Amino acid sequence: GPALLFVKTGQGKEEGRRFYACSACRDRKDCNFFQWEDEKVSETRLAAREEYNRNHQPSFTHRQNVDRYKNFVLLPLPKRRFCQECQQLLLPAEWENHTDHQFLCDITTAQLKSPSQLLYPLENKKTNAQYLFADRSCQFLLNLLINLGFRRVLSVGTPRLHEMIQSKASQEEEFSVRSLLLDIDFRYSQFYTEDEFCHYNMFNHHFFGGERTSSSAQHDVHIHVCVFGTFTVNFSCCMYCFSPMYTKVFSLLGHDNKEMPMFWIFPYFFESRILDFFPSFSMMDYQV
C-alpha cells in the first residue's frame, strides 16, 4: 500500500531530510522502497517499480480465491489438499505443480473454519510478525463483547477471535455476534468472502481492494478489537479514520454515541503513549 513519510533525526540536531518508505516493513531487505520527499523520479525508475509490483502480486485475487474455496468444499475428503510450502488450498488440477512440496491431505471442514491453525504464522518481527490468541483468551474477549451488548465486531489483526465468532455464528442459530476481519495477511482471503475479510494495512489505513472493501468495513463499525505491537502514531491515525464512520452509522440509527468503543490489546507497557492519542482509554491488565 501507500508509503509513509518519515524524517531523519539525530540527537541534538535539527529536523533532517524527509523521505518516503514502506509503511509495513522496517527492514530494507523485505521492502527496499525509498524515495526522498523532494526527489524527482525518472520514468525508467517508475516503470521498474511498476514492473516489480506486478511481479509480486498474489497468484489469485480475493474473488478468485472465494470461487476456488467454493469448489474446494465440494470435493470429497480424500481430494482436499493443502500445500504447506505454498500455503495454498489445492484443487485436483493443480496437484501436478506441487508434487515436490509437502502438503496436508483430507482437510476437514473444522480445519477450514480455523485457518490460523492451518497456516504457518508469519514470524519476521520486522514485517508482519503474528501473535495468535489462545482459545481461552478468545473466549474471554468474546464473553466480554457479548456481556457489553456488542453485535458487530471489527477484528483488526485478530484472526483467532474472528474465527471463533464465525464458527459460533455458523453453528448456533441464536448467536447474533458477527465479525469482519481486517488483516494484512492475504492468505486469509482463501477462506473468507469479501464480506468476512478485507486485505488491510493498519499502518496507513489502506484497503488493498479499494473502495468496495472499505465500504464493507463501514457497515461493521460498532467496536474495534485491535492487535499487538503496532506503531502507536500510525495506528492511532487509522483509528481516527474509522471514527467518523462509526459516528455516521449511529447517528442514522438515532443514537448519540460520540466515541467508537475499542479494545486495544498491546504487549508492551505503552500506557502513557497510548493515552497521548486516546485520553479516554483505561488500561486493564489481562493475560492473553
Protein backbone atom coordinates (compact mmCIF):
# COMPACT_ATOMS: atom_id res chain seq x y z
CA GLY A 1 0.00 0.00 0.00
CA PRO A 2 0.98 3.70 0.13
CA ALA A 3 4.30 4.59 1.73
CA LEU A 4 4.66 6.74 4.85
CA LEU A 5 6.58 9.99 5.19
CA PHE A 6 9.49 9.76 7.65
CA VAL A 7 12.19 12.19 8.75
CA LYS A 8 15.82 11.55 9.60
CA THR A 9 16.67 12.88 13.06
CA GLY A 10 19.70 12.86 15.32
CA GLN A 11 20.40 13.73 18.94
CA GLY A 12 20.59 17.48 19.42
CA LYS A 13 20.18 18.13 15.72
CA GLU A 14 17.52 19.96 13.79
CA GLU A 15 14.93 18.04 11.82
CA GLY A 16 16.58 16.30 8.90
CA ARG A 17 15.58 15.48 5.37
CA ARG A 18 12.21 13.80 4.87
CA PHE A 19 11.69 10.62 2.87
CA TYR A 20 9.07 8.03 1.91
CA ALA A 21 9.49 4.38 2.90
CA CYS A 22 7.38 1.24 3.23
CA SER A 23 4.63 1.53 5.83
CA ALA A 24 4.69 -2.14 6.83
CA CYS A 25 8.33 -3.29 6.65
CA ARG A 26 11.07 -1.99 8.92
CA ASP A 27 13.88 -3.75 7.06
CA ARG A 28 15.06 -2.80 3.57
CA LYS A 29 15.66 -6.50 2.87
CA ASP A 30 11.89 -7.06 2.99
CA CYS A 31 10.93 -3.94 1.05
CA ASN A 32 13.58 -1.69 -0.48
CA PHE A 33 11.25 1.18 -1.38
CA PHE A 34 12.89 4.53 -0.59
CA GLN A 35 12.33 7.99 -2.02
CA TRP A 36 13.30 11.44 -0.79
CA GLU A 37 10.31 13.74 -0.45
CA ASP A 38 11.78 16.30 -2.86
CA GLU A 39 13.25 13.73 -5.26
CA LYS A 40 12.32 13.75 -8.94
CA VAL A 41 11.82 10.14 -10.03
CA SER A 42 12.72 9.22 -13.60
CA GLU A 43 10.30 7.46 -15.95
CA THR A 44 12.68 4.50 -16.09
CA ARG A 45 12.63 4.10 -12.33
CA LEU A 46 8.83 4.42 -12.21
CA ALA A 47 8.50 1.75 -14.89
CA ALA A 48 10.85 -0.56 -12.98
CA ARG A 49 8.82 -0.01 -9.81
CA GLU A 50 5.57 -0.86 -11.60
CA GLU A 51 7.14 -4.00 -13.04
CA TYR A 52 8.33 -5.04 -9.58
CA ASN A 53 4.85 -4.54 -8.14
CA ARG A 54 3.23 -6.59 -10.90
CA ASN A 55 5.66 -9.46 -10.30
CA HIS A 56 4.90 -9.52 -6.57
CA GLN A 57 1.12 -9.74 -6.72
CA PRO A 58 -0.66 -12.79 -5.21
CA SER A 59 -1.35 -15.70 -7.55
CA PHE A 60 -5.12 -15.17 -7.22
CA THR A 61 -7.39 -12.24 -6.43
CA HIS A 62 -9.73 -12.35 -3.45
CA ARG A 63 -12.70 -13.01 -5.72
CA GLN A 64 -10.84 -15.87 -7.41
CA ASN A 65 -9.95 -17.32 -4.00
CA VAL A 66 -13.62 -17.23 -2.99
CA ASP A 67 -14.57 -19.17 -6.14
CA ARG A 68 -11.75 -21.65 -5.51
CA TYR A 69 -12.97 -22.17 -1.94
CA LYS A 70 -16.49 -22.94 -3.16
CA ASN A 71 -15.07 -25.61 -5.47
CA PHE A 72 -12.77 -26.93 -2.75
CA VAL A 73 -15.54 -27.60 -0.20
CA LEU A 74 -17.46 -29.61 -2.81
CA LEU A 75 -14.57 -32.06 -3.12
CA PRO A 76 -14.69 -35.41 -1.30
CA LEU A 77 -12.38 -35.51 1.73
CA PRO A 78 -9.59 -37.58 0.05
CA LYS A 79 -9.23 -34.88 -2.63
CA ARG A 80 -8.88 -31.95 -0.26
CA ARG A 81 -5.22 -30.98 -0.09
CA PHE A 82 -3.32 -28.01 1.32
CA CYS A 83 0.22 -27.19 0.14
CA GLN A 84 2.32 -26.33 3.19
CA GLU A 85 5.11 -24.83 1.12
CA CYS A 86 2.85 -22.51 -0.91
CA GLN A 87 0.32 -22.08 1.93
CA GLN A 88 -2.45 -22.68 -0.55
CA LEU A 89 -5.59 -24.79 -0.89
CA LEU A 90 -5.12 -27.07 -3.88
CA LEU A 91 -7.67 -28.17 -6.44
CA PRO A 92 -7.03 -31.58 -8.09
CA ALA A 93 -5.94 -29.99 -11.39
CA GLU A 94 -3.10 -28.23 -9.51
CA TRP A 95 -1.62 -31.25 -7.75
CA GLU A 96 0.92 -31.90 -10.50
CA ASN A 97 2.52 -28.48 -9.97
CA HIS A 98 3.13 -29.28 -6.29
CA THR A 99 4.45 -32.85 -6.46
CA ASP A 100 7.77 -31.88 -4.80
CA HIS A 101 6.04 -29.99 -1.98
CA GLN A 102 4.82 -31.16 1.38
CA PHE A 103 1.06 -30.99 1.76
CA LEU A 104 -1.71 -31.93 4.13
CA CYS A 105 -4.43 -34.30 2.99
CA ASP A 106 -8.07 -34.82 3.98
CA ILE A 107 -8.66 -31.20 5.01
CA THR A 108 -11.79 -31.19 7.16
CA THR A 109 -14.48 -28.54 7.48
CA ALA A 110 -13.26 -27.85 11.01
CA GLN A 111 -9.77 -27.07 9.67
CA LEU A 112 -11.21 -24.74 7.03
CA LYS A 113 -13.03 -22.83 9.76
CA SER A 114 -9.77 -22.38 11.70
CA PRO A 115 -7.32 -21.17 9.03
CA SER A 116 -4.94 -19.62 11.59
CA GLN A 117 -4.17 -23.16 12.77
CA LEU A 118 -3.73 -24.40 9.20
CA LEU A 119 -1.45 -21.57 8.06
CA TYR A 120 2.11 -21.13 9.28
CA PRO A 121 2.44 -18.00 11.47
CA LEU A 122 4.50 -15.25 9.83
CA GLU A 123 7.42 -14.76 12.20
CA ASN A 124 9.53 -11.93 10.76
CA LYS A 125 9.35 -9.39 13.58
CA LYS A 126 10.26 -6.52 11.24
CA THR A 127 7.33 -7.07 8.90
CA ASN A 128 4.07 -8.74 9.91
CA ALA A 129 5.04 -10.97 12.84
CA GLN A 130 1.89 -12.71 14.07
CA TYR A 131 0.95 -13.34 17.68
CA LEU A 132 -2.14 -15.52 17.93
CA PHE A 133 -4.54 -15.62 20.88
CA ALA A 134 -5.08 -18.85 22.79
CA ASP A 135 -8.63 -20.26 22.78
CA ARG A 136 -9.26 -19.19 26.37
CA SER A 137 -8.21 -15.64 25.50
CA CYS A 138 -10.61 -15.55 22.56
CA GLN A 139 -13.40 -16.92 24.72
CA PHE A 140 -12.69 -14.30 27.37
CA LEU A 141 -12.81 -11.47 24.81
CA LEU A 142 -15.94 -12.84 23.18
CA ASN A 143 -17.72 -13.16 26.53
CA LEU A 144 -16.72 -9.58 27.28
CA LEU A 145 -18.16 -8.34 23.98
CA ILE A 146 -21.40 -10.26 24.48
CA ASN A 147 -21.83 -9.01 28.05
CA LEU A 148 -21.33 -5.43 26.85
CA GLY A 149 -24.05 -5.92 24.25
CA PHE A 150 -21.95 -5.59 21.09
CA ARG A 151 -23.15 -7.43 17.99
CA ARG A 152 -20.79 -6.18 15.27
CA VAL A 153 -17.04 -6.64 15.73
CA LEU A 154 -14.33 -5.20 13.52
CA SER A 155 -11.42 -7.55 14.22
CA VAL A 156 -8.24 -5.75 13.22
CA GLY A 157 -5.35 -8.21 13.08
CA THR A 158 -7.11 -10.71 15.37
CA PRO A 159 -7.87 -13.76 13.18
CA ARG A 160 -8.36 -16.19 16.07
CA LEU A 161 -11.14 -14.10 17.58
CA HIS A 162 -12.72 -13.71 14.14
CA GLU A 163 -12.61 -17.48 13.65
CA MET A 164 -14.34 -18.14 16.95
CA ILE A 165 -17.11 -15.67 16.16
CA GLN A 166 -17.59 -17.06 12.65
CA SER A 167 -17.63 -20.64 13.91
CA LYS A 168 -20.23 -19.95 16.59
CA ALA A 169 -22.37 -17.99 14.14
CA SER A 170 -22.47 -20.96 11.75
CA GLN A 171 -23.25 -23.49 14.49
CA GLU A 172 -25.61 -21.63 16.83
CA GLU A 173 -28.75 -20.15 15.31
CA GLU A 174 -29.34 -17.74 18.21
CA PHE A 175 -25.76 -16.43 18.23
CA SER A 176 -26.07 -12.85 16.95
CA VAL A 177 -22.47 -11.55 17.01
CA ARG A 178 -20.82 -11.01 13.62
CA SER A 179 -17.22 -10.15 12.74
CA LEU A 180 -15.28 -8.63 9.86
CA LEU A 181 -11.54 -9.39 9.80
CA LEU A 182 -9.11 -6.70 8.64
CA ASP A 183 -5.60 -8.11 8.20
CA ILE A 184 -2.50 -7.59 6.07
CA ASP A 185 -2.10 -11.36 5.66
CA PHE A 186 -3.70 -12.02 2.27
CA ARG A 187 -3.65 -15.80 2.81
CA TYR A 188 -6.91 -15.44 4.74
CA SER A 189 -8.68 -14.49 1.51
CA GLN A 190 -8.65 -18.22 0.67
CA PHE A 191 -11.10 -18.91 3.49
CA TYR A 192 -13.39 -15.88 3.72
CA THR A 193 -15.69 -13.95 1.41
CA GLU A 194 -15.27 -10.23 0.78
CA ASP A 195 -17.91 -9.57 3.46
CA GLU A 196 -15.87 -11.51 6.03
CA PHE A 197 -12.30 -10.42 5.28
CA CYS A 198 -10.59 -7.30 3.93
CA HIS A 199 -6.93 -7.14 2.98
CA TYR A 200 -5.88 -4.15 5.07
CA ASN A 201 -2.75 -2.31 6.20
CA MET A 202 -3.34 -0.87 9.67
CA PHE A 203 -0.24 1.34 9.47
CA ASN A 204 -1.62 3.57 6.71
CA HIS A 205 -5.37 2.75 6.67
CA HIS A 206 -5.09 1.23 3.20
CA PHE A 207 -7.65 -1.24 1.83
CA PHE A 208 -5.94 -3.19 -0.94
CA GLY A 209 -9.31 -3.98 -2.50
CA GLY A 210 -10.20 -0.30 -2.89
CA GLU A 211 -13.45 1.47 -2.03
CA ARG A 212 -15.55 -1.70 -2.26
CA THR A 213 -13.77 -3.35 0.67
CA SER A 214 -13.61 -0.08 2.59
CA SER A 215 -17.41 0.17 2.41
CA SER A 216 -17.67 -3.32 3.93
CA ALA A 217 -15.82 -2.06 6.99
CA GLN A 218 -18.11 0.96 7.33
CA HIS A 219 -21.11 -1.28 7.92
CA ASP A 220 -19.37 -3.12 10.76
CA VAL A 221 -18.02 -0.25 12.84
CA HIS A 222 -19.60 -0.98 16.21
CA ILE A 223 -16.47 -1.93 18.13
CA HIS A 224 -12.80 -2.40 17.41
CA VAL A 225 -10.62 -5.21 18.65
CA CYS A 226 -7.03 -4.37 17.85
CA VAL A 227 -3.81 -6.30 17.80
CA PHE A 228 -0.33 -6.34 19.29
CA GLY A 229 2.64 -4.11 18.75
CA THR A 230 1.61 -1.59 16.12
CA PHE A 231 3.31 1.77 15.73
CA THR A 232 1.26 3.89 18.11
CA VAL A 233 1.23 7.06 15.99
CA ASN A 234 0.40 5.35 12.69
CA PHE A 235 -2.28 3.10 14.10
CA SER A 236 -3.92 5.90 16.07
CA CYS A 237 -4.32 7.90 12.87
CA CYS A 238 -6.01 4.91 11.23
CA MET A 239 -8.45 4.57 14.10
CA TYR A 240 -9.34 8.24 13.79
CA CYS A 241 -10.28 7.48 10.16
CA PHE A 242 -12.82 4.91 11.36
CA SER A 243 -14.38 7.18 13.99
CA PRO A 244 -16.40 9.34 11.52
CA MET A 245 -17.83 6.13 10.00
CA TYR A 246 -18.91 4.97 13.44
CA THR A 247 -20.49 8.32 14.31
CA LYS A 248 -22.34 8.44 10.98
CA VAL A 249 -23.77 4.91 11.36
CA PHE A 250 -25.06 5.55 14.86
CA SER A 251 -26.47 8.97 14.03
CA LEU A 252 -28.54 7.31 11.29
CA LEU A 253 -29.82 4.89 13.93
CA GLY A 254 -30.78 7.77 16.20
CA HIS A 255 -28.03 7.19 18.78
CA ASP A 256 -25.71 9.83 20.18
CA ASN A 257 -22.54 7.74 20.50
CA LYS A 258 -19.65 10.16 20.11
CA GLU A 259 -16.74 7.80 20.64
CA MET A 260 -16.10 4.47 18.96
CA PRO A 261 -15.77 1.63 21.52
CA MET A 262 -12.42 -0.10 21.15
CA PHE A 263 -10.24 -2.72 22.81
CA TRP A 264 -6.54 -2.38 22.05
CA ILE A 265 -4.53 -5.46 23.03
CA PHE A 266 -0.93 -4.33 23.36
CA PRO A 267 2.06 -6.41 24.52
CA TYR A 268 4.23 -3.55 25.75
CA PHE A 269 3.80 -1.14 28.62
CA PHE A 270 2.99 1.88 26.45
CA GLU A 271 0.11 3.25 28.51
CA SER A 272 1.37 6.84 28.56
CA ARG A 273 1.99 6.85 24.80
CA ILE A 274 -1.44 5.42 24.05
CA LEU A 275 -3.12 7.93 26.36
CA ASP A 276 -1.49 10.74 24.37
CA PHE A 277 -3.73 9.74 21.45
CA PHE A 278 -6.71 8.25 23.29
CA PRO A 279 -7.00 10.09 26.63
CA SER A 280 -10.32 8.41 27.48
CA PHE A 281 -8.75 4.92 27.43
CA SER A 282 -8.24 2.91 30.61
CA MET A 283 -5.59 0.23 30.90
CA MET A 284 -6.67 -3.21 32.12
CA ASP A 285 -4.11 -5.93 32.78
CA TYR A 286 -5.16 -9.25 31.27
CA GLN A 287 -3.09 -12.24 30.28
CA VAL A 288 -3.95 -13.11 26.69
